[in-house]
Amino acid sequence: MENQMNRKMGIWIILMSLIAVAFLSGVWAWLSFGNFGVLGPFRPNPVFPQYNLRDLFILSVARTVLSTVNIAILSILTASYAMLYKNMRSRFTIGLLIFSAVFLLKDVTSSPFVVGAARYTFTGLGPFVLIEPMLEFMALSVLLYFNLEY
């Protein structure tokens, strides 16, 4: 009974932490919009049509929040799979560990903060910039649910 109570408390702590990470990354993206040069990664690209600055702001904050939450979920999954592999030494677990570590590396390197610090531009992508992190968020949420359930 006490073990189940501790597990539920751990799940609530993880969920509240993810909400806090999402909120703080949104605030950070909102405050840093345009701080990397002239709009940083969202500066106008002459090859593509110009976008409304408000649309770029909404897309950048949404992508930053989704990307940061994905990094948090992947960090939890990677640590969990590493502890599980340490105890079980299963080939399946090492596969899950590699899967989550590769996704973590992908998300860290494609984070809007990293892209902005490197001074790249992705204004030509428009709303399609959100498809990848939204799909990944849904898949990672399912993995996290099953990881916390069993």
Foldseek 3Di string as FASTA:
>chain_A
DVVVVVLVVVVVVLVVVLVVQLVVQLVVLLVCQCVLPRRQQAPDDVVADDDDPVQVSVLLSLQQSLLRSLLSLLVVQLVLLVVVCVVPVDPVSVVSNVVSVVVNVVSVCPRPVNSRVVRHYDNRCGPVSVPVSVVSSVVSVVVSVVSSVD
